[in-house]
Amino acid sequence: MNIVTLGYFVGRSDLKARRYIVNRTYWGNQKCEFRYNIKALDKINLLTGTLPLIVSIALMVMTSNAKLIFLIIFIMAISRTFYRAELLNAKINCVKCGNIRFKGTHTGSSLLKLYFVNIAMLIFSLGLLTPRVINRTMAYFASHILIAGDLEKLYISSMPVHANATGEGVDEASGMLGGIDLDMGLI
């Protein structure tokens, strides 16, 4: 469906895959739920997908410079970072485990800063700072997730109610807590 619609339904398929995983995850005896509203994600997907495409086509029509291809790819990558931040927020904001909810505070500019600094660190250190880059990335994701709810009323036993549940926990199944993005969000 993503190919037929030229990527318009990418956000929908991402959230449906996330819903499938989270709705089958238990945190102790608490069943996790994933509920989402696709309207905001559709708008930013359309905006960050079509606007750079229009600008790129206009640039290609105006000039036939070979260096322009790099600029076009750069523009597309930067614009999709804002969609990626909204997608991360949607994946986090829609999760509920018992009376605990999560909130993502990612922004496109903070992701861009993270990606550019990480790439610069890797290039200038010839890869020697890879552990530091991984540490920075995990610290970024951990600092941009807020937990809301009454933790004192939350009762989680170590034995799940549903014995044949799938998933290894909220963090591993949903990738929310410290997920490392290897493609640096440029695709």
N, C-alpha and C. Protein backbone atom coordinates (compact mmCIF):
# COMPACT_ATOMS: atom_id res chain seq x y z
N MET A 1 0.82 -1.19 0.00
CA MET A 1 0.00 0.00 0.00
C MET A 1 0.87 1.26 0.00
N ASN A 2 2.04 1.19 0.66
CA ASN A 2 2.92 2.36 0.70
C ASN A 2 3.45 2.72 -0.68
N ILE A 3 3.71 1.72 -1.50
CA ILE A 3 4.24 1.99 -2.84
C ILE A 3 3.15 2.57 -3.73
N VAL A 4 1.95 2.03 -3.65
CA VAL A 4 0.84 2.51 -4.48
C VAL A 4 0.49 3.96 -4.15
N THR A 5 0.54 4.32 -2.88
CA THR A 5 0.18 5.69 -2.46
C THR A 5 1.38 6.62 -2.42
N LEU A 6 2.52 6.18 -2.94
CA LEU A 6 3.75 6.98 -2.98
C LEU A 6 4.19 7.44 -1.58
N GLY A 7 4.01 6.58 -0.59
CA GLY A 7 4.48 6.86 0.75
C GLY A 7 3.51 7.59 1.65
N TYR A 8 2.31 7.89 1.17
CA TYR A 8 1.36 8.62 2.01
C TYR A 8 0.96 7.81 3.24
N PHE A 9 0.86 6.49 3.10
CA PHE A 9 0.43 5.64 4.22
C PHE A 9 1.59 5.07 5.03
N VAL A 10 2.77 5.63 4.91
CA VAL A 10 3.92 5.14 5.68
C VAL A 10 3.66 5.28 7.18
N GLY A 11 3.17 6.41 7.60
CA GLY A 11 2.88 6.61 9.02
C GLY A 11 1.84 5.64 9.54
N ARG A 12 0.83 5.39 8.74
CA ARG A 12 -0.21 4.45 9.16
C ARG A 12 0.36 3.05 9.34
N SER A 13 1.19 2.61 8.40
CA SER A 13 1.75 1.26 8.51
C SER A 13 2.74 1.19 9.68
N ASP A 14 3.50 2.25 9.93
CA ASP A 14 4.41 2.27 11.08
C ASP A 14 3.63 2.13 12.38
N LEU A 15 2.54 2.89 12.50
CA LEU A 15 1.76 2.84 13.74
C LEU A 15 0.98 1.53 13.88
N LYS A 16 0.55 0.95 12.77
CA LYS A 16 -0.14 -0.34 12.85
C LYS A 16 0.82 -1.44 13.31
N ALA A 17 2.05 -1.39 12.82
CA ALA A 17 3.04 -2.36 13.26
C ALA A 17 3.33 -2.18 14.75
N ARG A 18 3.45 -0.93 15.20
CA ARG A 18 3.70 -0.65 16.61
C ARG A 18 2.52 -1.10 17.46
N ARG A 19 1.29 -0.87 16.98
CA ARG A 19 0.09 -1.29 17.70
C ARG A 19 0.07 -2.81 17.87
N TYR A 20 0.44 -3.52 16.82
CA TYR A 20 0.46 -4.98 16.89
C TYR A 20 1.41 -5.46 17.99
N ILE A 21 2.57 -4.86 18.07
CA ILE A 21 3.58 -5.28 19.06
C ILE A 21 3.14 -4.90 20.47
N VAL A 22 2.75 -3.65 20.66
CA VAL A 22 2.43 -3.16 22.02
C VAL A 22 1.18 -3.82 22.56
N ASN A 23 0.16 -4.03 21.75
CA ASN A 23 -1.08 -4.65 22.24
C ASN A 23 -0.89 -6.11 22.64
N ARG A 24 0.22 -6.71 22.29
CA ARG A 24 0.53 -8.08 22.69
C ARG A 24 1.62 -8.14 23.75
N THR A 25 1.90 -6.99 24.36
CA THR A 25 2.96 -6.90 25.37
C THR A 25 2.35 -6.77 26.76
N TYR A 26 2.94 -7.47 27.71
CA TYR A 26 2.55 -7.36 29.11
C TYR A 26 3.74 -6.86 29.90
N TRP A 27 3.48 -5.97 30.83
CA TRP A 27 4.49 -5.48 31.76
C TRP A 27 4.13 -6.08 33.10
N GLY A 28 4.69 -7.24 33.41
CA GLY A 28 4.25 -8.00 34.56
C GLY A 28 2.84 -8.51 34.31
N ASN A 29 1.90 -8.11 35.15
CA ASN A 29 0.52 -8.51 34.94
C ASN A 29 -0.31 -7.41 34.26
N GLN A 30 0.32 -6.31 33.87
CA GLN A 30 -0.38 -5.20 33.22
C GLN A 30 -0.30 -5.35 31.71
N LYS A 31 -1.44 -5.36 31.05
CA LYS A 31 -1.48 -5.41 29.60
C LYS A 31 -1.27 -4.00 29.05
N CYS A 32 -0.40 -3.88 28.08
CA CYS A 32 -0.15 -2.57 27.46
C CYS A 32 -1.14 -2.36 26.33
N GLU A 33 -1.51 -1.10 26.13
CA GLU A 33 -2.44 -0.73 25.07
C GLU A 33 -1.80 0.33 24.18
N PHE A 34 -2.20 0.31 22.92
CA PHE A 34 -1.70 1.29 21.96
C PHE A 34 -2.89 1.84 21.19
N ARG A 35 -3.19 3.11 21.42
CA ARG A 35 -4.30 3.79 20.71
C ARG A 35 -3.75 5.04 20.07
N TYR A 36 -4.07 5.25 18.82
CA TYR A 36 -3.49 6.39 18.12
C TYR A 36 -4.53 7.09 17.25
N ASN A 37 -4.23 8.36 16.97
CA ASN A 37 -4.99 9.18 16.04
C ASN A 37 -4.03 9.56 14.92
N ILE A 38 -4.34 9.17 13.71
CA ILE A 38 -3.40 9.29 12.60
C ILE A 38 -3.41 10.67 11.94
N LYS A 39 -4.36 11.53 12.25
CA LYS A 39 -4.52 12.79 11.51
C LYS A 39 -3.29 13.68 11.55
N ALA A 40 -2.71 13.91 12.72
CA ALA A 40 -1.55 14.80 12.82
C ALA A 40 -0.35 14.22 12.09
N LEU A 41 -0.16 12.92 12.19
CA LEU A 41 0.97 12.28 11.53
C LEU A 41 0.80 12.33 10.01
N ASP A 42 -0.43 12.17 9.53
CA ASP A 42 -0.69 12.27 8.08
C ASP A 42 -0.35 13.65 7.55
N LYS A 43 -0.68 14.68 8.32
CA LYS A 43 -0.41 16.05 7.86
C LYS A 43 1.09 16.31 7.73
N ILE A 44 1.85 15.95 8.74
CA ILE A 44 3.30 16.22 8.68
C ILE A 44 3.98 15.30 7.67
N ASN A 45 3.45 14.08 7.48
CA ASN A 45 3.98 13.19 6.46
C ASN A 45 3.79 13.79 5.07
N LEU A 46 2.62 14.32 4.82
CA LEU A 46 2.33 14.94 3.53
C LEU A 46 3.18 16.20 3.33
N LEU A 47 3.29 17.00 4.37
CA LEU A 47 4.07 18.24 4.27
C LEU A 47 5.55 17.99 4.05
N THR A 48 6.14 17.10 4.85
CA THR A 48 7.58 16.85 4.73
C THR A 48 7.92 15.95 3.55
N GLY A 49 6.94 15.32 2.97
CA GLY A 49 7.20 14.49 1.80
C GLY A 49 7.02 15.22 0.49
N THR A 50 6.00 16.08 0.40
CA THR A 50 5.71 16.74 -0.87
C THR A 50 6.43 18.06 -1.04
N LEU A 51 6.57 18.83 0.02
CA LEU A 51 7.21 20.14 -0.10
C LEU A 51 8.66 20.03 -0.58
N PRO A 52 9.48 19.18 0.01
CA PRO A 52 10.85 19.05 -0.51
C PRO A 52 10.89 18.49 -1.93
N LEU A 53 9.92 17.63 -2.25
CA LEU A 53 9.86 17.08 -3.61
C LEU A 53 9.57 18.18 -4.62
N ILE A 54 8.66 19.07 -4.31
CA ILE A 54 8.34 20.19 -5.20
C ILE A 54 9.54 21.12 -5.34
N VAL A 55 10.21 21.42 -4.22
CA VAL A 55 11.40 22.27 -4.26
C VAL A 55 12.49 21.60 -5.09
N SER A 56 12.66 20.30 -4.92
CA SER A 56 13.69 19.58 -5.66
C SER A 56 13.42 19.58 -7.16
N ILE A 57 12.18 19.37 -7.55
CA ILE A 57 11.83 19.38 -8.97
C ILE A 57 12.05 20.78 -9.54
N ALA A 58 11.67 21.79 -8.78
CA ALA A 58 11.89 23.17 -9.26
C ALA A 58 13.37 23.47 -9.43
N LEU A 59 14.20 23.02 -8.50
CA LEU A 59 15.64 23.23 -8.61
C LEU A 59 16.22 22.49 -9.81
N MET A 60 15.74 21.29 -10.07
CA MET A 60 16.25 20.52 -11.20
C MET A 60 15.84 21.14 -12.52
N VAL A 61 14.66 21.73 -12.58
CA VAL A 61 14.20 22.39 -13.81
C VAL A 61 14.99 23.67 -14.05
N MET A 62 15.30 24.39 -12.98
CA MET A 62 16.00 25.67 -13.12
C MET A 62 17.46 25.50 -13.52
N THR A 63 18.10 24.45 -13.08
CA THR A 63 19.51 24.25 -13.39
C THR A 63 19.79 22.76 -13.54
N SER A 64 20.80 22.42 -14.28
CA SER A 64 21.15 21.00 -14.47
C SER A 64 22.54 20.74 -13.90
N ASN A 65 22.77 21.19 -12.71
CA ASN A 65 24.05 21.05 -12.04
C ASN A 65 24.14 19.68 -11.37
N ALA A 66 25.24 18.98 -11.52
CA ALA A 66 25.41 17.65 -10.92
C ALA A 66 25.49 17.73 -9.39
N LYS A 67 25.99 18.85 -8.86
CA LYS A 67 26.09 19.01 -7.41
C LYS A 67 24.72 19.20 -6.78
N LEU A 68 23.74 19.49 -7.61
CA LEU A 68 22.39 19.72 -7.12
C LEU A 68 21.77 18.45 -6.54
N ILE A 69 22.17 17.31 -7.02
CA ILE A 69 21.62 16.05 -6.52
C ILE A 69 21.93 15.90 -5.03
N PHE A 70 23.15 16.25 -4.63
CA PHE A 70 23.51 16.18 -3.21
C PHE A 70 22.64 17.13 -2.39
N LEU A 71 22.42 18.31 -2.90
CA LEU A 71 21.59 19.29 -2.20
C LEU A 71 20.16 18.79 -2.05
N ILE A 72 19.63 18.18 -3.09
CA ILE A 72 18.27 17.66 -3.06
C ILE A 72 18.14 16.55 -2.01
N ILE A 73 19.10 15.64 -1.99
CA ILE A 73 19.06 14.55 -1.00
C ILE A 73 19.18 15.13 0.41
N PHE A 74 20.01 16.13 0.59
CA PHE A 74 20.18 16.78 1.89
C PHE A 74 18.88 17.44 2.35
N ILE A 75 18.20 18.15 1.43
CA ILE A 75 16.93 18.80 1.76
C ILE A 75 15.88 17.77 2.16
N MET A 76 15.81 16.69 1.40
CA MET A 76 14.83 15.64 1.70
C MET A 76 15.12 15.00 3.08
N ALA A 77 16.39 14.75 3.37
CA ALA A 77 16.75 14.13 4.64
C ALA A 77 16.41 15.03 5.82
N ILE A 78 16.70 16.30 5.69
CA ILE A 78 16.40 17.24 6.78
C ILE A 78 14.90 17.35 6.99
N SER A 79 14.13 17.43 5.92
CA SER A 79 12.68 17.57 6.09
C SER A 79 12.06 16.33 6.70
N ARG A 80 12.57 15.16 6.35
CA ARG A 80 12.00 13.93 6.90
C ARG A 80 12.37 13.75 8.38
N THR A 81 13.36 14.46 8.88
CA THR A 81 13.70 14.38 10.29
C THR A 81 12.55 14.92 11.13
N PHE A 82 11.84 15.91 10.65
CA PHE A 82 10.70 16.46 11.39
C PHE A 82 9.55 15.45 11.42
N TYR A 83 9.36 14.72 10.33
CA TYR A 83 8.36 13.65 10.33
C TYR A 83 8.79 12.56 11.32
N ARG A 84 10.07 12.23 11.31
CA ARG A 84 10.57 11.19 12.18
C ARG A 84 10.36 11.55 13.66
N ALA A 85 10.55 12.82 14.01
CA ALA A 85 10.31 13.26 15.39
C ALA A 85 8.83 13.11 15.75
N GLU A 86 7.96 13.48 14.84
CA GLU A 86 6.52 13.33 15.09
C GLU A 86 6.13 11.86 15.21
N LEU A 87 6.74 11.01 14.38
CA LEU A 87 6.47 9.58 14.46
C LEU A 87 6.95 9.00 15.79
N LEU A 88 8.12 9.39 16.24
CA LEU A 88 8.61 8.93 17.54
C LEU A 88 7.67 9.35 18.66
N ASN A 89 7.21 10.60 18.60
CA ASN A 89 6.26 11.07 19.62
C ASN A 89 4.96 10.28 19.57
N ALA A 90 4.48 10.00 18.36
CA ALA A 90 3.23 9.24 18.24
C ALA A 90 3.41 7.83 18.79
N LYS A 91 4.54 7.21 18.52
CA LYS A 91 4.79 5.85 19.02
C LYS A 91 4.85 5.82 20.55
N ILE A 92 5.35 6.88 21.14
CA ILE A 92 5.49 6.92 22.60
C ILE A 92 4.18 7.38 23.26
N ASN A 93 3.55 8.40 22.70
CA ASN A 93 2.35 8.98 23.32
C ASN A 93 1.16 8.02 23.33
N CYS A 94 1.13 7.07 22.46
CA CYS A 94 -0.03 6.19 22.32
C CYS A 94 0.05 4.95 23.20
N VAL A 95 1.10 4.80 23.98
CA VAL A 95 1.28 3.61 24.81
C VAL A 95 0.75 3.88 26.22
N LYS A 96 -0.01 2.90 26.71
CA LYS A 96 -0.52 2.96 28.08
C LYS A 96 -0.37 1.58 28.70
N CYS A 97 0.23 1.54 29.89
CA CYS A 97 0.38 0.28 30.63
C CYS A 97 -0.27 0.48 32.00
N GLY A 98 -1.43 -0.12 32.19
CA GLY A 98 -2.17 0.09 33.42
C GLY A 98 -2.60 1.55 33.51
N ASN A 99 -2.20 2.23 34.58
CA ASN A 99 -2.53 3.65 34.70
C ASN A 99 -1.31 4.53 34.38
N ILE A 100 -0.31 3.96 33.74
CA ILE A 100 0.90 4.69 33.37
C ILE A 100 0.84 5.03 31.88
N ARG A 101 1.11 6.29 31.58
CA ARG A 101 1.17 6.76 30.19
C ARG A 101 2.55 7.34 29.93
N PHE A 102 2.91 7.38 28.67
CA PHE A 102 4.20 7.92 28.26
C PHE A 102 3.99 9.12 27.36
N LYS A 103 4.95 10.04 27.36
CA LYS A 103 4.87 11.21 26.50
C LYS A 103 6.25 11.46 25.89
N GLY A 104 6.29 11.60 24.59
CA GLY A 104 7.53 11.90 23.89
C GLY A 104 7.68 13.39 23.67
N THR A 105 8.89 13.90 23.81
CA THR A 105 9.14 15.34 23.63
C THR A 105 10.17 15.59 22.52
N HIS A 106 10.19 14.71 21.53
CA HIS A 106 11.14 14.86 20.42
C HIS A 106 10.73 16.03 19.53
N THR A 107 11.72 16.76 19.03
CA THR A 107 11.48 17.79 18.02
C THR A 107 12.42 17.54 16.85
N GLY A 108 12.05 18.04 15.70
CA GLY A 108 12.89 17.87 14.53
C GLY A 108 14.25 18.50 14.70
N SER A 109 14.29 19.67 15.31
CA SER A 109 15.57 20.35 15.49
C SER A 109 16.47 19.61 16.48
N SER A 110 15.91 19.03 17.52
CA SER A 110 16.74 18.28 18.47
C SER A 110 17.29 17.00 17.83
N LEU A 111 16.47 16.36 16.97
CA LEU A 111 16.96 15.18 16.26
C LEU A 111 18.06 15.56 15.27
N LEU A 112 17.88 16.68 14.56
CA LEU A 112 18.91 17.14 13.63
C LEU A 112 20.22 17.40 14.35
N LYS A 113 20.13 18.06 15.49
CA LYS A 113 21.34 18.34 16.27
C LYS A 113 22.01 17.04 16.70
N LEU A 114 21.22 16.09 17.17
CA LEU A 114 21.78 14.80 17.58
C LEU A 114 22.47 14.11 16.41
N TYR A 115 21.80 14.05 15.27
CA TYR A 115 22.36 13.36 14.11
C TYR A 115 23.64 14.03 13.61
N PHE A 116 23.63 15.35 13.47
CA PHE A 116 24.80 16.05 12.93
C PHE A 116 26.01 15.96 13.87
N VAL A 117 25.77 16.10 15.16
CA VAL A 117 26.88 16.00 16.11
C VAL A 117 27.42 14.57 16.14
N ASN A 118 26.52 13.58 16.10
CA ASN A 118 26.97 12.19 16.08
C ASN A 118 27.79 11.88 14.83
N ILE A 119 27.33 12.34 13.68
CA ILE A 119 28.06 12.10 12.43
C ILE A 119 29.42 12.81 12.47
N ALA A 120 29.45 14.03 12.97
CA ALA A 120 30.72 14.76 13.06
C ALA A 120 31.68 14.04 14.01
N MET A 121 31.17 13.56 15.13
CA MET A 121 32.02 12.84 16.08
C MET A 121 32.60 11.58 15.44
N LEU A 122 31.79 10.87 14.68
CA LEU A 122 32.27 9.65 14.04
C LEU A 122 33.30 9.95 12.95
N ILE A 123 33.05 10.99 12.16
CA ILE A 123 33.97 11.32 11.07
C ILE A 123 35.31 11.81 11.60
N PHE A 124 35.29 12.77 12.51
CA PHE A 124 36.53 13.38 12.98
C PHE A 124 37.34 12.48 13.92
N SER A 125 36.69 11.50 14.53
CA SER A 125 37.44 10.58 15.40
C SER A 125 37.76 9.28 14.68
N LEU A 126 37.40 9.18 13.40
CA LEU A 126 37.60 7.96 12.61
C LEU A 126 36.95 6.74 13.27
N GLY A 127 35.83 6.98 13.91
CA GLY A 127 35.05 5.91 14.52
C GLY A 127 35.44 5.56 15.94
N LEU A 128 36.46 6.21 16.47
CA LEU A 128 36.89 5.88 17.83
C LEU A 128 35.87 6.31 18.89
N LEU A 129 35.05 7.27 18.57
CA LEU A 129 34.04 7.74 19.53
C LEU A 129 32.69 7.04 19.36
N THR A 130 32.68 5.89 18.73
CA THR A 130 31.42 5.16 18.53
C THR A 130 30.72 4.85 19.86
N PRO A 131 31.42 4.39 20.91
CA PRO A 131 30.72 4.17 22.19
C PRO A 131 30.10 5.46 22.74
N ARG A 132 30.78 6.57 22.57
CA ARG A 132 30.24 7.86 23.05
C ARG A 132 29.00 8.25 22.23
N VAL A 133 29.02 7.98 20.93
CA VAL A 133 27.86 8.29 20.09
C VAL A 133 26.66 7.44 20.52
N ILE A 134 26.90 6.17 20.78
CA ILE A 134 25.82 5.30 21.26
C ILE A 134 25.29 5.79 22.59
N ASN A 135 26.18 6.18 23.48
CA ASN A 135 25.79 6.71 24.78
C ASN A 135 24.96 7.98 24.63
N ARG A 136 25.40 8.91 23.76
CA ARG A 136 24.65 10.16 23.53
C ARG A 136 23.26 9.86 22.99
N THR A 137 23.17 8.91 22.07
CA THR A 137 21.89 8.58 21.46
C THR A 137 20.93 8.00 22.49
N MET A 138 21.42 7.08 23.32
CA MET A 138 20.55 6.49 24.34
C MET A 138 20.16 7.52 25.39
N ALA A 139 21.07 8.40 25.76
CA ALA A 139 20.75 9.45 26.72
C ALA A 139 19.71 10.40 26.14
N TYR A 140 19.80 10.69 24.84
CA TYR A 140 18.82 11.56 24.19
C TYR A 140 17.43 10.93 24.26
N PHE A 141 17.32 9.66 23.88
CA PHE A 141 16.01 9.01 23.89
C PHE A 141 15.45 8.89 25.30
N ALA A 142 16.30 8.60 26.26
CA ALA A 142 15.84 8.49 27.65
C ALA A 142 15.38 9.84 28.19
N SER A 143 16.03 10.91 27.80
CA SER A 143 15.66 12.23 28.32
C SER A 143 14.45 12.83 27.62
N HIS A 144 14.02 12.24 26.51
CA HIS A 144 12.87 12.77 25.78
C HIS A 144 11.62 11.89 25.93
N ILE A 145 11.59 11.10 27.00
CA ILE A 145 10.39 10.32 27.33
C ILE A 145 9.97 10.67 28.75
N LEU A 146 8.74 11.13 28.88
CA LEU A 146 8.19 11.44 30.20
C LEU A 146 7.20 10.35 30.59
N ILE A 147 7.15 10.03 31.86
CA ILE A 147 6.24 9.02 32.36
C ILE A 147 5.22 9.72 33.24
N ALA A 148 3.94 9.48 32.96
CA ALA A 148 2.86 10.11 33.73
C ALA A 148 1.97 9.02 34.32
N GLY A 149 1.45 9.29 35.47
CA GLY A 149 0.55 8.34 36.12
C GLY A 149 0.93 8.22 37.59
N ASP A 150 0.10 7.53 38.32
CA ASP A 150 0.31 7.34 39.75
C ASP A 150 1.07 6.04 39.96
N LEU A 151 2.37 6.17 40.21
CA LEU A 151 3.21 4.99 40.38
C LEU A 151 2.91 4.25 41.69
N GLU A 152 2.38 4.97 42.68
CA GLU A 152 2.08 4.32 43.95
C GLU A 152 0.89 3.38 43.84
N LYS A 153 -0.04 3.67 42.94
CA LYS A 153 -1.21 2.81 42.76
C LYS A 153 -0.95 1.69 41.77
N LEU A 154 0.17 1.71 41.10
CA LEU A 154 0.49 0.70 40.11
C LEU A 154 0.96 -0.56 40.81
N TYR A 155 0.29 -1.65 40.53
CA TYR A 155 0.69 -2.93 41.09
C TYR A 155 1.07 -3.84 39.93
N ILE A 156 2.33 -4.24 39.92
CA ILE A 156 2.80 -5.15 38.88
C ILE A 156 3.41 -6.36 39.58
N SER A 157 2.83 -7.51 39.31
CA SER A 157 3.43 -8.72 39.85
C SER A 157 4.36 -9.31 38.81
N SER A 158 5.23 -10.16 39.25
CA SER A 158 6.19 -10.74 38.32
C SER A 158 5.57 -11.81 37.44
N MET A 159 4.43 -12.31 37.82
CA MET A 159 3.76 -13.33 37.00
C MET A 159 2.67 -12.67 36.17
N PRO A 160 2.74 -12.79 34.88
CA PRO A 160 1.71 -12.20 34.03
C PRO A 160 0.39 -12.96 34.17
N VAL A 161 -0.70 -12.24 34.01
CA VAL A 161 -2.03 -12.85 34.07
C VAL A 161 -2.23 -13.75 32.86
N HIS A 162 -1.77 -13.31 31.74
CA HIS A 162 -1.92 -14.03 30.48
C HIS A 162 -0.63 -14.82 30.24
N ALA A 163 -0.66 -16.13 30.45
CA ALA A 163 0.57 -16.92 30.46
C ALA A 163 1.26 -17.01 29.10
N ASN A 164 0.51 -17.02 28.00
CA ASN A 164 1.15 -17.19 26.70
C ASN A 164 1.27 -15.85 25.96
N ALA A 165 1.55 -14.80 26.69
CA ALA A 165 1.72 -13.48 26.08
C ALA A 165 3.08 -13.41 25.38
N THR A 166 3.12 -12.62 24.33
CA THR A 166 4.38 -12.43 23.63
C THR A 166 5.02 -11.14 24.08
N GLY A 167 6.27 -11.00 23.82
CA GLY A 167 6.97 -9.76 24.16
C GLY A 167 7.91 -9.97 25.33
N GLU A 168 8.95 -9.22 25.35
CA GLU A 168 9.95 -9.33 26.40
C GLU A 168 9.93 -8.12 27.31
N GLY A 169 8.87 -7.37 27.30
CA GLY A 169 8.81 -6.17 28.11
C GLY A 169 8.57 -4.97 27.23
N VAL A 170 8.18 -3.88 27.85
CA VAL A 170 7.83 -2.68 27.10
C VAL A 170 9.03 -2.14 26.35
N ASP A 171 10.17 -2.04 26.99
CA ASP A 171 11.32 -1.42 26.34
C ASP A 171 11.84 -2.23 25.17
N GLU A 172 11.91 -3.55 25.30
CA GLU A 172 12.44 -4.36 24.21
C GLU A 172 11.43 -4.52 23.08
N ALA A 173 10.16 -4.67 23.41
CA ALA A 173 9.17 -4.91 22.38
C ALA A 173 8.85 -3.66 21.58
N SER A 174 8.81 -2.53 22.25
CA SER A 174 8.42 -1.31 21.54
C SER A 174 9.61 -0.46 21.15
N GLY A 175 10.78 -0.73 21.68
CA GLY A 175 11.95 0.04 21.31
C GLY A 175 11.92 1.47 21.81
N MET A 176 11.07 1.75 22.80
CA MET A 176 10.90 3.13 23.25
C MET A 176 12.07 3.61 24.09
N LEU A 177 12.57 2.77 24.95
CA LEU A 177 13.54 3.22 25.92
C LEU A 177 14.95 2.97 25.42
N GLY A 178 15.49 3.94 24.72
CA GLY A 178 16.87 3.85 24.28
C GLY A 178 17.06 3.15 22.97
N GLY A 179 16.09 3.21 22.07
CA GLY A 179 16.26 2.60 20.77
C GLY A 179 17.34 3.31 19.98
N ILE A 180 18.24 2.56 19.40
CA ILE A 180 19.31 3.16 18.61
C ILE A 180 18.92 3.09 17.16
N ASP A 181 18.94 4.21 16.51
CA ASP A 181 18.54 4.29 15.12
C ASP A 181 19.80 4.25 14.26
N LEU A 182 20.05 3.13 13.60
CA LEU A 182 21.30 2.97 12.87
C LEU A 182 21.36 3.77 11.57
N ASP A 183 20.21 4.05 10.98
CA ASP A 183 20.27 4.82 9.72
C ASP A 183 20.32 6.32 9.98
N MET A 184 20.45 6.70 11.22
CA MET A 184 20.57 8.10 11.64
C MET A 184 19.38 8.95 11.18
N GLY A 185 18.27 8.32 10.79
CA GLY A 185 17.07 9.06 10.42
C GLY A 185 17.15 9.76 9.10
N LEU A 186 18.11 9.43 8.28
CA LEU A 186 18.27 10.15 7.02
C LEU A 186 17.50 9.48 5.88
N ILE A 187 16.87 8.37 6.15
CA ILE A 187 16.11 7.69 5.10
C ILE A 187 14.64 7.82 5.39
